[in-house]
C-alpha atoms as a PDB file:
ATOM      1  CA  MET A   1       7.826  57.406-106.103  1.00  0.00           C
ATOM      2  CA  GLY A   2       5.008  56.619-103.670  1.00  0.00           C
ATOM      3  CA  PRO A   3       5.640  52.859-103.652  1.00  0.00           C
ATOM      4  CA  TRP A   4       9.389  53.510-103.203  1.00  0.00           C
ATOM      5  CA  VAL A   5       8.757  55.589-100.060  1.00  0.00           C
ATOM      6  CA  CYS A   6       6.207  53.132 -98.644  1.00  0.00           C
ATOM      7  CA  GLU A   7       8.543  50.206 -99.214  1.00  0.00           C
ATOM      8  CA  ARG A   8      11.089  51.922 -96.972  1.00  0.00           C
ATOM      9  CA  THR A   9       8.732  53.319 -94.348  1.00  0.00           C
ATOM     10  CA  GLY A  10       6.416  50.352 -93.948  1.00  0.00           C
ATOM     11  CA  GLY A  11       3.429  52.344 -95.158  1.00  0.00           C
ATOM     12  CA  GLN A  12       0.833  51.538 -97.770  1.00  0.00           C
ATOM     13  CA  TYR A  13       0.532  53.287-101.097  1.00  0.00           C
ATOM     14  CA  PHE A  14      -2.883  54.074-102.527  1.00  0.00           C
ATOM     15  CA  PRO A  15      -2.657  55.345-106.127  1.00  0.00           C
ATOM     16  CA  GLY A  16      -4.594  58.529-106.743  1.00  0.00           C
ATOM     17  CA  GLU A  17      -4.768  59.409-103.044  1.00  0.00           C
ATOM     18  CA  SER A  18      -1.295  60.812-102.558  1.00  0.00           C
ATOM     19  CA  SER A  19       1.515  62.750-104.179  1.00  0.00           C
ATOM     20  CA  ALA A  20       5.269  62.368-103.916  1.00  0.00           C
ATOM     21  CA  ILE A  21       8.555  64.149-104.559  1.00  0.00           C
ATOM     22  CA  GLY A  22      11.750  62.270-105.297  1.00  0.00           C
ATOM     23  CA  LEU A  23      15.449  63.006-105.467  1.00  0.00           C
ATOM     24  CA  GLU A  24      17.606  61.213-108.009  1.00  0.00           C
ATOM     25  CA  ARG A  25      21.396  61.064-108.184  1.00  0.00           C
ATOM     26  CA  ASP A  26      23.307  59.411-111.003  1.00  0.00           C
ATOM     27  CA  GLY A  27      20.117  57.743-112.202  1.00  0.00           C
ATOM     28  CA  GLN A  28      19.249  56.271-108.795  1.00  0.00           C
ATOM     29  CA  LEU A  29      16.491  57.320-106.409  1.00  0.00           C
ATOM     30  CA  VAL A  30      18.080  58.365-103.124  1.00  0.00           C
ATOM     31  CA  ALA A  31      15.205  60.078-101.309  1.00  0.00           C
ATOM     32  CA  GLY A  32      11.490  60.534-101.462  1.00  0.00           C
ATOM     33  CA  VAL A  33       8.646  62.222 -99.654  1.00  0.00           C
ATOM     34  CA  LEU A  34       5.072  60.994 -99.841  1.00  0.00           C
ATOM     35  CA  PHE A  35       2.118  63.205 -98.938  1.00  0.00           C
ATOM     36  CA  ASP A  36      -1.245  61.680 -98.114  1.00  0.00           C
ATOM     37  CA  HIS A  37      -4.395  62.275 -96.054  1.00  0.00           C
ATOM     38  CA  TYR A  38      -4.727  65.803 -97.435  1.00  0.00           C
ATOM     39  CA  ASN A  39      -7.899  67.427 -96.101  1.00  0.00           C
ATOM     40  CA  GLY A  40      -7.423  71.079 -97.064  1.00  0.00           C
ATOM     41  CA  LYS A  41      -6.071  72.059 -93.633  1.00  0.00           C
ATOM     42  CA  SER A  42      -3.353  69.430 -93.116  1.00  0.00           C
ATOM     43  CA  VAL A  43      -1.434  66.667 -94.865  1.00  0.00           C
ATOM     44  CA  ALA A  44       0.614  63.703 -93.641  1.00  0.00           C
ATOM     45  CA  MET A  45       4.262  63.546 -94.720  1.00  0.00           C
ATOM     46  CA  HIS A  46       6.381  60.373 -94.970  1.00  0.00           C
ATOM     47  CA  VAL A  47      10.135  60.594 -95.661  1.00  0.00           C
ATOM     48  CA  ALA A  48      12.596  57.947 -96.859  1.00  0.00           C
ATOM     49  CA  GLY A  49      16.200  58.154 -97.931  1.00  0.00           C
ATOM     50  CA  GLU A  50      19.089  55.872 -98.761  1.00  0.00           C
ATOM     51  CA  GLY A  51      22.728  56.450 -98.121  1.00  0.00           C
ATOM     52  CA  SER A  52      24.036  59.754 -96.858  1.00  0.00           C
ATOM     53  CA  ASN A  53      23.961  63.353 -97.999  1.00  0.00           C
ATOM     54  CA  TRP A  54      20.547  63.167 -99.655  1.00  0.00           C
ATOM     55  CA  MET A  55      18.988  65.761 -97.390  1.00  0.00           C
ATOM     56  CA  THR A  56      20.040  68.874 -99.273  1.00  0.00           C
ATOM     57  CA  ARG A  57      18.635  72.306 -98.600  1.00  0.00           C
ATOM     58  CA  ASN A  58      17.097  72.466-102.091  1.00  0.00           C
ATOM     59  CA  PHE A  59      15.339  69.132-101.586  1.00  0.00           C
ATOM     60  CA  LEU A  60      13.992  70.185 -98.184  1.00  0.00           C
ATOM     61  CA  VAL A  61      12.836  73.572 -99.482  1.00  0.00           C
ATOM     62  CA  THR A  62      10.978  71.811-102.301  1.00  0.00           C
ATOM     63  CA  CYS A  63       9.464  69.252 -99.923  1.00  0.00           C
ATOM     64  CA  PHE A  64       8.115  71.904 -97.556  1.00  0.00           C
ATOM     65  CA  ARG A  65       7.025  74.418-100.195  1.00  0.00           C
ATOM     66  CA  TYR A  66       4.775  71.839-101.804  1.00  0.00           C
ATOM     67  CA  PRO A  67       2.427  71.348 -98.812  1.00  0.00           C
ATOM     68  CA  PHE A  68       2.602  74.851 -97.365  1.00  0.00           C
ATOM     69  CA  VAL A  69       2.640  76.931-100.558  1.00  0.00           C
ATOM     70  CA  GLN A  70       1.147  74.786-103.309  1.00  0.00           C
ATOM     71  CA  LEU A  71      -1.420  72.859-101.229  1.00  0.00           C
ATOM     72  CA  GLY A  72      -1.893  75.732 -98.785  1.00  0.00           C
ATOM     73  CA  VAL A  73      -2.086  73.584 -95.660  1.00  0.00           C
ATOM     74  CA  HIS A  74      -1.734  74.990 -92.163  1.00  0.00           C
ATOM     75  CA  LYS A  75      -0.059  71.897 -90.705  1.00  0.00           C
ATOM     76  CA  ILE A  76       2.046  68.901 -91.748  1.00  0.00           C
ATOM     77  CA  ILE A  77       1.648  65.729 -89.704  1.00  0.00           C
ATOM     78  CA  GLY A  78       4.234  62.995 -89.214  1.00  0.00           C
ATOM     79  CA  LEU A  79       3.374  59.640 -87.662  1.00  0.00           C
ATOM     80  CA  VAL A  80       6.296  57.811 -86.055  1.00  0.00           C
ATOM     81  CA  ASP A  81       6.628  54.495 -84.242  1.00  0.00           C
ATOM     82  CA  SER A  82       8.153  55.300 -80.836  1.00  0.00           C
ATOM     83  CA  SER A  83      10.839  52.662 -81.431  1.00  0.00           C
ATOM     84  CA  ASN A  84      12.096  54.464 -84.565  1.00  0.00           C
ATOM     85  CA  ARG A  85      14.760  56.711 -83.057  1.00  0.00           C
ATOM     86  CA  LEU A  86      16.133  57.791 -86.445  1.00  0.00           C
ATOM     87  CA  ALA A  87      12.728  59.036 -87.639  1.00  0.00           C
ATOM     88  CA  ARG A  88      12.114  60.801 -84.335  1.00  0.00           C
ATOM     89  CA  ARG A  89      15.479  62.534 -84.525  1.00  0.00           C
ATOM     90  CA  LEU A  90      14.894  63.502 -88.166  1.00  0.00           C
ATOM     91  CA  ASP A  91      11.465  64.995 -87.437  1.00  0.00           C
ATOM     92  CA  GLU A  92      12.795  66.964 -84.481  1.00  0.00           C
ATOM     93  CA  HIS A  93      15.834  68.160 -86.470  1.00  0.00           C
ATOM     94  CA  LEU A  94      13.542  69.393 -89.252  1.00  0.00           C
ATOM     95  CA  GLY A  95      11.481  71.393 -86.757  1.00  0.00           C
ATOM     96  CA  PHE A  96       8.522  69.137 -86.049  1.00  0.00           C
ATOM     97  CA  THR A  97       7.195  69.045 -82.501  1.00  0.00           C
ATOM     98  CA  MET A  98       5.573  66.087 -80.810  1.00  0.00           C
ATOM     99  CA  GLU A  99       1.902  66.830 -80.403  1.00  0.00           C
ATOM    100  CA  ALA A 100       0.472  63.563 -79.091  1.00  0.00           C
ATOM    101  CA  VAL A 101       1.221  59.995 -78.061  1.00  0.00           C
ATOM    102  CA  VAL A 102      -1.213  57.209 -78.863  1.00  0.00           C
ATOM    103  CA  LYS A 103      -0.378  54.273 -76.599  1.00  0.00           C
ATOM    104  CA  ASP A 104       0.177  50.845 -78.177  1.00  0.00           C
ATOM    105  CA  ALA A 105      -0.905  52.033 -81.654  1.00  0.00           C
ATOM    106  CA  ALA A 106       2.301  51.317 -83.602  1.00  0.00           C
ATOM    107  CA  PRO A 107       3.828  47.956 -84.540  1.00  0.00           C
ATOM    108  CA  HIS A 108       6.668  48.296 -82.025  1.00  0.00           C
ATOM    109  CA  GLY A 109       5.291  50.646 -79.379  1.00  0.00           C
ATOM    110  CA  ASP A 110       3.411  53.892 -79.187  1.00  0.00           C
ATOM    111  CA  LEU A 111       2.415  56.026 -82.156  1.00  0.00           C
ATOM    112  CA  LEU A 112       3.959  59.489 -81.902  1.00  0.00           C
ATOM    113  CA  ILE A 113       2.199  62.299 -83.718  1.00  0.00           C
ATOM    114  CA  TYR A 114       4.536  65.069 -84.792  1.00  0.00           C
ATOM    115  CA  SER A 115       3.412  68.271 -86.456  1.00  0.00           C
ATOM    116  CA  MET A 116       4.748  71.447 -88.009  1.00  0.00           C
ATOM    117  CA  THR A 117       2.830  74.598 -88.849  1.00  0.00           C
ATOM    118  CA  ARG A 118       3.682  76.977 -91.651  1.00  0.00           C
ATOM    119  CA  GLU A 119       4.945  79.491 -89.076  1.00  0.00           C
ATOM    120  CA  GLN A 120       7.336  76.897 -87.604  1.00  0.00           C
ATOM    121  CA  CYS A 121       8.841  75.948 -90.988  1.00  0.00           C
ATOM    122  CA  ARG A 122      12.269  77.510 -91.425  1.00  0.00           C
ATOM    123  CA  PHE A 123      12.635  76.093 -94.957  1.00  0.00           C
ATOM    124  CA  LEU A 124      10.086  78.519 -96.406  1.00  0.00           C
ATOM    125  CA  SER A 125      12.560  81.372 -95.947  1.00  0.00           C
ATOM    126  CA  TYR A 126      15.008  79.829 -98.465  1.00  0.00           C
ATOM    127  CA  GLU A 127      14.863  79.945-102.240  1.00  0.00           C
ATOM    128  CA  VAL A 128      15.501  76.914-104.415  1.00  0.00           C
ATOM    129  CA  ALA A 129      18.884  77.330-106.087  1.00  0.00           C
END
């Protein structure tokens, strides 16, 4: 799952240093979330999906329960190239807030650092059906 997400997000996969959750439909992977840089207090989250309608409530609940409940982190971090409008919109729609801008640190512009704390996460109030 990790290589699948990295292939779509332009990231690098390091076996043994990350974990991932995938969503399969009709035998095909349609979405994945990779978690890396876990340090006990925070973890980075990378999201990839193909097609439409892959972002179900159950998938999102699972993807946010893993870092906040199972890993017990206080904060999830998302790194986004400022030119990637779709990723920016997705992060903001999910409830992430922009915390910092690192000038000229991304391949096509600035590196935007988004974050979400456990208290900000609305998906923890839902149960997996």
